[in-house]
Amino acid sequence: MCGGPDTADAALSESDRPAVTRTAWFHCFSGVSGDMTLGALIDAGADPVAIGRILNTLGIDGWSLDAEHVMRQGLRATLAVVDVPEDHRHHRPYREIREMLERATLPERVRSRALSVFTTLADAEGGLHGVAPDDVEFHEVGALDAIVDVVGVCAALEVLGVDRVVCSPVSVGRGTIHAAHGLLPNPAPAVAAMAAHHSLPLVGVDEPQELATPTGVALMCALSSAFGPLPAGTVTATGLGAGGRNPEHRPNVLQVLISDTDHADDGGTTETLVELTTNVDDVTGEVLAYTVEELMRAGALDAWVRPISMKKGRPAHTVHVLARAVDVARLREVLMAQTGSLGVRAVSVERLALARETVTVVVGGHEIRVKRSANRAKAEYEDAATAARSLGRPLRDVQAEAERLAGGK
């Protein structure tokens, strides 16, 4: 399967999605890497041709993706082989990869997940090398084969209709490893930094090899909503993704279990988002309020301020921003510019949102929009306030009548 000019959205349409939460649980007992993750999902049933159609929307060619059956210590597994020409193996900055993903006509959840993975990597590498995330120069991860791995994993999740990712503790080796920056401790500093920042549990094993790569750990940190044992659910598919090596003492594979949890009655959908936070102790209340307004204006899904106490007992605030991965770079700039902060943290979070609709009702001759879900209705404040002032009625009465007319409980 080769990359070319054809484009197609191979993802499941909303009408095709079952009324369940579909979970992919990764068992990282022998570590994790990008190609192992992709191989495991293909082995679990993700069609490589459908994955390729999504990858084609990146607008880059010269790559190929093949899936081979191999044996790893008596277990049959799938090895995902990404082949690219030698001149496509140069490194790329995070900014270039982000722009590539934003330009591509990817399914939105694929784009959001892929951006979250690369954002996680950029934040880790930037912290290690003392540079802004946008200026991080990816080496191994910036090469085309690694980009295909990351976007291919996100595409495979979409092909399988996966709503939620959970992973076990991740096994890591000992000793040292060779990387683009030279000799590094094992696990690599980027792996350790991401694990610390995202509270990813690591398990050391007596293996003098790199078991967990930065790409694999970034996938688990950015995409997982939880770390731990297999969640309850009906297992519908399993897969084993093979690593390139075949050591004698352990099967070099990553296991994935796909399971469904029935949520037929709640109408909820799950998506992976990014929460940005920064602590400030020298910003006025007026500036904080203005910052929240500007963040919402710039596309934040939500923004809020929480009072905290910093070192030496100083009163301060944490500004929180909830965003889709595609909006992270823009919102980070707004947050830093408005608060004067020198640093912003980013973590992936999972949001379950109930299905909702907006209806319009008339109260005393005034149109009021009402958001309505399966279990409540909520009148829009601005519309209700305008009507209440004009009618000379209490706001709460106008809101209650609008919500009753909209069918609220």
Protein backbone atom coordinates (compact mmCIF):
# COMPACT_ATOMS: atom_id res chain seq x y z
CA MET A 1 0.00 0.00 0.00
CA CYS A 2 1.68 3.17 -1.20
CA GLY A 3 1.02 6.83 -0.52
CA GLY A 4 -0.27 8.77 -3.50
CA PRO A 5 -2.51 11.65 -4.51
CA ASP A 6 -5.87 9.96 -3.84
CA THR A 7 -7.81 11.21 -0.83
CA ALA A 8 -10.68 9.56 0.99
CA ASP A 9 -12.20 9.60 4.42
CA ALA A 10 -12.19 5.97 5.50
CA ALA A 11 -13.43 6.74 8.99
CA LEU A 12 -16.78 5.51 10.22
CA SER A 13 -19.59 8.00 9.76
CA GLU A 14 -21.53 9.05 12.84
CA SER A 15 -24.55 7.05 11.66
CA ASP A 16 -22.38 3.92 11.43
CA ARG A 17 -21.08 4.20 15.00
CA PRO A 18 -22.66 1.83 17.50
CA ALA A 19 -24.29 3.25 20.64
CA VAL A 20 -21.39 2.09 22.78
CA THR A 21 -18.10 3.37 24.10
CA ARG A 22 -15.42 1.42 22.27
CA THR A 23 -12.16 1.11 24.19
CA ALA A 24 -8.71 0.07 23.05
CA TRP A 25 -6.62 -1.26 25.95
CA PHE A 26 -2.89 -1.61 25.30
CA HIS A 27 -0.96 -4.15 27.34
CA CYS A 28 2.61 -2.80 27.29
CA PHE A 29 4.26 -5.75 29.08
CA SER A 30 7.13 -5.70 26.59
CA GLY A 31 7.29 -1.97 26.02
CA VAL A 32 5.70 0.14 23.30
CA SER A 33 6.70 1.80 20.04
CA GLY A 34 4.92 3.47 17.16
CA ASP A 35 5.22 0.53 14.77
CA MET A 36 4.17 -1.95 17.48
CA THR A 37 1.06 0.12 18.19
CA LEU A 38 0.16 0.34 14.51
CA GLY A 39 0.81 -3.37 14.02
CA ALA A 40 -1.39 -4.28 17.01
CA LEU A 41 -4.32 -2.26 15.66
CA ILE A 42 -3.95 -3.78 12.19
CA ASP A 43 -3.82 -7.23 13.79
CA ALA A 44 -7.05 -6.35 15.65
CA GLY A 45 -8.83 -5.66 12.38
CA ALA A 46 -7.96 -2.14 11.20
CA ASP A 47 -7.84 -2.37 7.39
CA PRO A 48 -4.43 -1.20 6.11
CA VAL A 49 -6.04 0.07 2.90
CA ALA A 50 -8.47 2.24 4.89
CA ILE A 51 -5.56 3.50 7.01
CA GLY A 52 -3.68 4.33 3.81
CA ARG A 53 -6.57 6.36 2.43
CA ILE A 54 -6.53 8.55 5.53
CA LEU A 55 -2.73 8.87 5.40
CA ASN A 56 -2.98 10.00 1.76
CA THR A 57 -4.72 13.17 2.89
CA LEU A 58 -1.40 14.35 4.37
CA GLY A 59 -0.39 15.24 0.82
CA ILE A 60 3.00 13.53 0.98
CA ASP A 61 4.19 10.67 -1.18
CA GLY A 62 7.11 8.28 -1.36
CA TRP A 63 6.00 6.10 1.55
CA SER A 64 4.54 2.63 1.73
CA LEU A 65 2.87 0.70 4.53
CA ASP A 66 2.86 -3.08 4.62
CA ALA A 67 1.65 -5.53 7.26
CA GLU A 68 3.55 -8.79 7.67
CA HIS A 69 2.80 -11.82 9.84
CA VAL A 70 5.84 -12.74 11.95
CA MET A 71 6.58 -14.98 14.93
CA ARG A 72 7.80 -13.62 18.26
CA GLN A 73 8.67 -16.38 20.75
CA GLY A 74 5.90 -18.66 19.51
CA LEU A 75 3.28 -15.91 19.09
CA ARG A 76 2.03 -14.84 15.67
CA ALA A 77 1.97 -11.06 15.46
CA THR A 78 1.67 -8.33 12.85
CA LEU A 79 4.71 -6.27 11.95
CA ALA A 80 3.85 -2.86 10.47
CA VAL A 81 6.55 -1.93 7.98
CA VAL A 82 6.76 1.70 6.87
CA ASP A 83 9.20 2.20 4.02
CA VAL A 84 10.42 5.64 2.91
CA PRO A 85 13.27 6.77 0.66
CA GLU A 86 16.50 7.76 2.36
CA ASP A 87 16.00 11.43 1.47
CA HIS A 88 12.72 11.45 3.44
CA ARG A 89 14.44 10.55 6.71
CA HIS A 90 15.52 14.09 7.64
CA HIS A 91 14.22 15.67 10.81
CA ARG A 92 11.43 18.25 10.91
CA PRO A 93 10.48 20.94 13.43
CA TYR A 94 7.24 20.61 15.37
CA ARG A 95 5.88 23.73 13.66
CA GLU A 96 6.20 22.10 10.23
CA ILE A 97 4.48 18.91 11.34
CA ARG A 98 1.67 20.86 13.01
CA GLU A 99 1.09 22.89 9.82
CA MET A 100 1.05 19.69 7.77
CA LEU A 101 -1.63 18.17 10.00
CA GLU A 102 -3.70 21.36 10.03
CA ARG A 103 -3.65 21.57 6.21
CA ALA A 104 -4.57 17.94 5.62
CA THR A 105 -8.19 16.91 5.07
CA LEU A 106 -8.03 14.38 7.88
CA PRO A 107 -11.07 13.22 9.87
CA GLU A 108 -11.27 15.68 12.76
CA ARG A 109 -10.69 13.08 15.48
CA VAL A 110 -7.61 11.77 13.63
CA ARG A 111 -6.21 15.30 13.34
CA SER A 112 -6.94 16.08 16.99
CA ARG A 113 -5.33 12.89 18.23
CA ALA A 114 -2.24 13.23 16.03
CA LEU A 115 -1.73 16.86 17.05
CA SER A 116 -2.05 15.84 20.69
CA VAL A 117 0.70 13.23 20.24
CA PHE A 118 3.12 15.64 18.60
CA THR A 119 2.27 18.37 21.12
CA THR A 120 3.12 15.93 23.91
CA LEU A 121 6.47 15.20 22.26
CA ALA A 122 7.23 18.86 21.59
CA ASP A 123 6.50 19.85 25.18
CA ALA A 124 8.77 17.08 26.50
CA GLU A 125 11.63 17.78 24.11
CA GLY A 126 11.30 21.53 24.55
CA GLY A 127 11.54 21.18 28.31
CA LEU A 128 14.62 18.97 28.03
CA HIS A 129 16.48 21.25 25.64
CA GLY A 130 15.25 24.61 26.91
CA VAL A 131 13.45 25.73 23.74
CA ALA A 132 9.86 26.69 22.94
CA PRO A 133 7.72 23.77 21.73
CA ASP A 134 7.25 25.32 18.27
CA ASP A 135 11.03 25.46 17.83
CA VAL A 136 11.68 21.82 18.79
CA GLU A 137 13.56 19.97 16.05
CA PHE A 138 12.34 16.38 15.98
CA HIS A 139 14.96 13.87 14.88
CA GLU A 140 13.79 10.26 14.79
CA VAL A 141 10.19 11.37 15.38
CA GLY A 142 10.37 14.04 12.66
CA ALA A 143 11.22 11.53 9.94
CA LEU A 144 8.47 10.55 7.52
CA ASP A 145 8.31 6.95 8.75
CA ALA A 146 7.58 8.12 12.31
CA ILE A 147 4.96 10.58 11.06
CA VAL A 148 3.26 7.73 9.20
CA ASP A 149 3.41 5.65 12.41
CA VAL A 150 1.74 8.34 14.54
CA VAL A 151 -0.93 9.41 12.05
CA GLY A 152 -1.39 5.77 11.04
CA VAL A 153 -2.17 4.80 14.65
CA CYS A 154 -4.72 7.61 14.93
CA ALA A 155 -6.22 6.56 11.60
CA ALA A 156 -6.39 2.92 12.73
CA LEU A 157 -8.23 3.95 15.90
CA GLU A 158 -10.74 5.80 13.75
CA VAL A 159 -11.19 2.88 11.35
CA LEU A 160 -11.93 0.66 14.35
CA GLY A 161 -14.31 3.26 15.83
CA VAL A 162 -12.31 3.54 19.06
CA ASP A 163 -13.63 6.22 21.42
CA ARG A 164 -11.33 5.67 24.39
CA VAL A 165 -7.74 4.51 24.90
CA VAL A 166 -6.41 2.97 28.13
CA CYS A 167 -2.97 1.47 28.66
CA SER A 168 -1.27 -0.69 31.26
CA PRO A 169 1.96 0.26 33.02
CA VAL A 170 4.74 0.43 30.42
CA SER A 171 7.83 -1.80 30.68
CA VAL A 172 11.17 -0.07 30.17
CA GLY A 173 14.67 -1.52 29.87
CA ARG A 174 17.93 -0.72 31.66
CA GLY A 175 21.38 0.59 30.78
CA THR A 176 21.95 3.01 27.93
CA ILE A 177 20.69 3.51 24.38
CA HIS A 178 22.06 5.16 21.25
CA ALA A 179 20.00 8.05 19.82
CA ALA A 180 20.41 11.09 17.58
CA HIS A 181 21.78 13.04 20.57
CA GLY A 182 24.34 10.31 21.34
CA LEU A 183 24.44 7.92 24.28
CA LEU A 184 21.41 8.31 26.54
CA PRO A 185 20.13 6.60 29.68
CA ASN A 186 17.47 3.93 29.32
CA PRO A 187 14.61 4.86 29.51
CA ALA A 188 15.33 7.91 27.34
CA PRO A 189 14.96 11.33 29.00
CA ALA A 190 12.00 12.18 26.77
CA VAL A 191 10.26 8.97 27.84
CA ALA A 192 10.89 9.73 31.51
CA ALA A 193 9.71 13.35 31.11
CA MET A 194 6.45 12.36 29.42
CA ALA A 195 5.80 9.64 31.98
CA ALA A 196 6.33 12.10 34.83
CA HIS A 197 4.18 14.81 33.28
CA HIS A 198 1.27 12.51 32.43
CA SER A 199 1.53 10.20 35.48
CA LEU A 200 2.18 7.21 33.21
CA PRO A 201 3.29 4.24 35.37
CA LEU A 202 6.59 2.63 34.25
CA VAL A 203 7.90 -0.81 35.18
CA GLY A 204 11.63 -1.56 34.93
CA VAL A 205 12.63 -4.97 33.58
CA ASP A 206 16.04 -6.61 33.34
CA GLU A 207 16.45 -6.06 29.60
CA PRO A 208 19.41 -4.05 28.21
CA GLN A 209 17.34 -2.77 25.27
CA GLU A 210 15.10 0.18 24.53
CA LEU A 211 11.64 -1.27 25.11
CA ALA A 212 9.64 1.98 25.22
CA THR A 213 10.41 4.53 22.50
CA PRO A 214 9.50 8.24 22.68
CA THR A 215 6.97 7.77 19.86
CA GLY A 216 5.27 4.86 21.59
CA VAL A 217 5.16 6.58 24.98
CA ALA A 218 3.84 9.80 23.42
CA LEU A 219 1.02 7.81 21.83
CA MET A 220 0.09 6.27 25.17
CA CYS A 221 0.40 9.55 27.12
CA ALA A 222 -1.49 11.69 24.60
CA LEU A 223 -4.26 9.27 23.71
CA SER A 224 -4.94 7.44 26.98
CA SER A 225 -7.69 8.64 29.28
CA ALA A 226 -6.54 6.25 32.03
CA PHE A 227 -3.66 3.95 32.96
CA GLY A 228 -4.22 0.58 34.57
CA PRO A 229 -5.88 -2.80 34.10
CA LEU A 230 -8.33 -3.78 31.38
CA PRO A 231 -11.61 -1.84 31.86
CA ALA A 232 -14.88 -3.74 32.09
CA GLY A 233 -16.52 -4.41 28.74
CA THR A 234 -17.23 -7.02 26.09
CA VAL A 235 -14.02 -7.85 24.20
CA THR A 236 -14.70 -7.82 20.46
CA ALA A 237 -11.20 -8.06 18.98
CA THR A 238 -7.57 -8.60 19.98
CA GLY A 239 -4.27 -7.97 18.29
CA LEU A 240 -0.52 -8.37 18.71
CA GLY A 241 1.88 -5.85 17.21
CA ALA A 242 5.46 -7.00 16.70
CA GLY A 243 8.64 -5.06 17.32
CA GLY A 244 11.53 -5.33 14.88
CA ARG A 245 13.74 -7.40 17.19
CA ASN A 246 13.10 -10.96 18.33
CA PRO A 247 14.88 -11.38 21.70
CA GLU A 248 15.20 -14.80 23.32
CA HIS A 249 13.69 -14.12 26.74
CA ARG A 250 10.40 -12.32 26.00
CA PRO A 251 7.94 -11.99 23.12
CA ASN A 252 8.61 -8.55 21.68
CA VAL A 253 4.95 -7.70 21.10
CA LEU A 254 2.34 -5.16 22.17
CA GLN A 255 -1.12 -6.53 22.93
CA VAL A 256 -4.35 -4.61 22.29
CA LEU A 257 -7.86 -5.59 23.33
CA ILE A 258 -10.85 -3.82 21.77
CA SER A 259 -13.97 -3.85 23.96
CA ASP A 260 -17.42 -2.30 23.97
CA THR A 261 -19.33 -0.83 26.89
CA ASP A 262 -23.02 -0.27 26.23
CA HIS A 263 -24.20 3.33 26.58
CA ALA A 264 -27.23 3.09 24.35
CA ASP A 265 -29.36 5.36 26.52
CA ASP A 266 -27.09 8.32 27.22
CA GLY A 267 -26.32 9.51 23.70
CA GLY A 268 -22.83 10.49 24.82
CA THR A 269 -19.73 10.85 22.68
CA THR A 270 -16.16 10.73 23.93
CA GLU A 271 -13.30 12.83 22.58
CA THR A 272 -9.69 13.44 23.55
CA LEU A 273 -8.97 17.08 24.37
CA VAL A 274 -6.03 19.07 25.77
CA GLU A 275 -6.06 21.04 29.02
CA LEU A 276 -3.60 23.95 29.17
CA THR A 277 -2.70 25.43 32.55
CA THR A 278 -0.42 28.14 33.86
CA ASN A 279 0.17 29.57 37.35
CA VAL A 280 0.32 33.35 37.79
CA ASP A 281 0.87 35.40 40.95
CA ASP A 282 1.22 38.92 39.52
CA VAL A 283 -1.95 39.35 37.43
CA THR A 284 -4.97 41.45 38.44
CA GLY A 285 -8.51 40.19 38.53
CA GLU A 286 -9.39 42.42 35.56
CA VAL A 287 -6.62 40.87 33.46
CA LEU A 288 -7.69 37.35 34.46
CA ALA A 289 -11.29 38.05 33.43
CA TYR A 290 -10.13 39.55 30.14
CA THR A 291 -7.85 36.57 29.52
CA VAL A 292 -10.74 34.13 29.91
CA GLU A 293 -12.81 36.20 27.47
CA GLU A 294 -10.00 36.26 24.91
CA LEU A 295 -9.40 32.52 25.24
CA MET A 296 -13.08 31.80 24.57
CA ARG A 297 -13.02 34.23 21.65
CA ALA A 298 -9.97 32.40 20.25
CA GLY A 299 -11.73 29.04 20.21
CA ALA A 300 -11.32 27.52 23.68
CA LEU A 301 -14.02 25.02 24.57
CA ASP A 302 -13.89 26.31 28.14
CA ALA A 303 -11.66 28.50 30.29
CA TRP A 304 -11.67 29.13 34.03
CA VAL A 305 -9.53 30.45 36.91
CA ARG A 306 -8.80 28.70 40.20
CA PRO A 307 -7.20 30.35 43.27
CA ILE A 308 -4.09 28.61 44.63
CA SER A 309 -1.31 29.19 47.13
CA MET A 310 2.26 29.16 45.78
CA LYS A 311 5.65 28.98 47.50
CA LYS A 312 6.14 31.20 50.55
CA GLY A 313 2.37 31.31 50.91
CA ARG A 314 1.84 33.75 48.05
CA PRO A 315 -1.77 33.90 46.77
CA ALA A 316 -1.98 33.13 43.06
CA HIS A 317 -4.24 31.69 40.36
CA THR A 318 -4.16 28.83 37.87
CA VAL A 319 -5.70 29.59 34.49
CA HIS A 320 -7.19 26.49 32.84
CA VAL A 321 -8.05 26.14 29.16
CA LEU A 322 -9.89 23.22 27.56
CA ALA A 323 -9.12 22.91 23.86
CA ARG A 324 -9.05 20.65 20.85
CA ALA A 325 -5.50 19.70 19.87
CA VAL A 326 -5.75 21.63 16.61
CA ASP A 327 -6.27 24.86 18.63
CA VAL A 328 -3.53 24.30 21.23
CA ALA A 329 -0.77 26.34 19.58
CA ARG A 330 -3.03 29.38 19.08
CA LEU A 331 -4.51 29.23 22.57
CA ARG A 332 -1.09 28.77 24.17
CA GLU A 333 0.02 32.01 22.51
CA VAL A 334 -3.08 33.85 23.76
CA LEU A 335 -2.61 32.52 27.28
CA MET A 336 1.05 33.53 27.45
CA ALA A 337 0.51 36.92 25.83
CA GLN A 338 -2.37 37.93 28.10
CA THR A 339 -0.92 36.69 31.41
CA GLY A 340 2.79 37.25 30.73
CA SER A 341 3.44 33.67 31.81
CA LEU A 342 6.77 32.10 30.86
CA GLY A 343 5.44 28.55 30.62
CA VAL A 344 2.27 26.58 29.92
CA ARG A 345 1.57 22.94 30.78
CA ALA A 346 -0.48 20.65 28.54
CA VAL A 347 -2.12 17.33 29.39
CA SER A 348 -4.55 15.18 27.42
CA VAL A 349 -7.98 14.67 28.94
CA GLU A 350 -11.06 12.74 27.92
CA ARG A 351 -14.47 14.41 27.74
CA LEU A 352 -17.76 12.56 27.58
CA ALA A 353 -20.38 14.94 26.21
CA LEU A 354 -24.09 14.16 26.04
CA ALA A 355 -25.84 14.73 22.74
CA ARG A 356 -27.49 18.14 22.67
CA GLU A 357 -29.40 20.51 20.44
CA THR A 358 -30.33 24.18 20.50
CA VAL A 359 -33.99 25.13 20.13
CA THR A 360 -35.61 28.56 20.13
CA VAL A 361 -38.73 29.39 22.15
CA VAL A 362 -40.70 32.64 22.57
CA VAL A 363 -41.36 34.19 25.99
CA GLY A 364 -43.37 37.41 26.06
CA GLY A 365 -42.55 38.09 22.42
CA HIS A 366 -38.80 37.53 22.91
CA GLU A 367 -36.86 34.68 21.26
CA ILE A 368 -34.72 32.71 23.69
CA ARG A 369 -32.31 29.98 22.69
CA VAL A 370 -32.30 26.88 24.88
CA LYS A 371 -29.72 24.09 24.91
CA ARG A 372 -31.49 20.78 25.37
CA SER A 373 -30.06 17.33 26.18
CA ALA A 374 -31.59 14.06 27.30
CA ASN A 375 -31.70 15.10 30.95
CA ARG A 376 -32.00 18.89 31.08
CA ALA A 377 -32.65 22.16 29.27
CA LYS A 378 -30.71 25.38 29.85
CA ALA A 379 -31.76 28.81 28.61
CA GLU A 380 -29.02 31.03 27.13
CA TYR A 381 -28.27 33.71 29.71
CA GLU A 382 -27.93 36.65 27.30
CA ASP A 383 -31.29 35.95 25.61
CA ALA A 384 -33.09 35.41 28.92
CA ALA A 385 -31.54 38.52 30.50
CA THR A 386 -32.61 40.71 27.57
CA ALA A 387 -36.16 39.38 27.80
CA ALA A 388 -36.29 39.77 31.61
CA ARG A 389 -35.21 43.44 31.45
CA SER A 390 -37.71 44.23 28.71
CA LEU A 391 -40.59 42.44 30.43
CA GLY A 392 -39.72 43.61 33.95
CA ARG A 393 -39.76 40.02 35.18
CA PRO A 394 -37.23 38.18 37.38
CA LEU A 395 -34.53 36.46 35.35
CA ARG A 396 -35.12 33.10 37.04
CA ASP A 397 -38.81 33.16 36.04
CA VAL A 398 -37.99 33.85 32.39
CA GLN A 399 -35.37 31.10 32.38
CA ALA A 400 -37.77 28.61 33.93
CA GLU A 401 -40.52 29.38 31.42
CA ALA A 402 -38.13 29.12 28.45
CA GLU A 403 -36.81 25.80 29.69
CA ARG A 404 -40.33 24.47 30.26
CA LEU A 405 -41.36 25.48 26.74
CA ALA A 406 -38.27 23.74 25.37
CA GLY A 407 -39.29 20.50 27.03
CA GLY A 408 -36.95 20.63 30.01
CA LYS A 409 -37.58 18.68 33.18
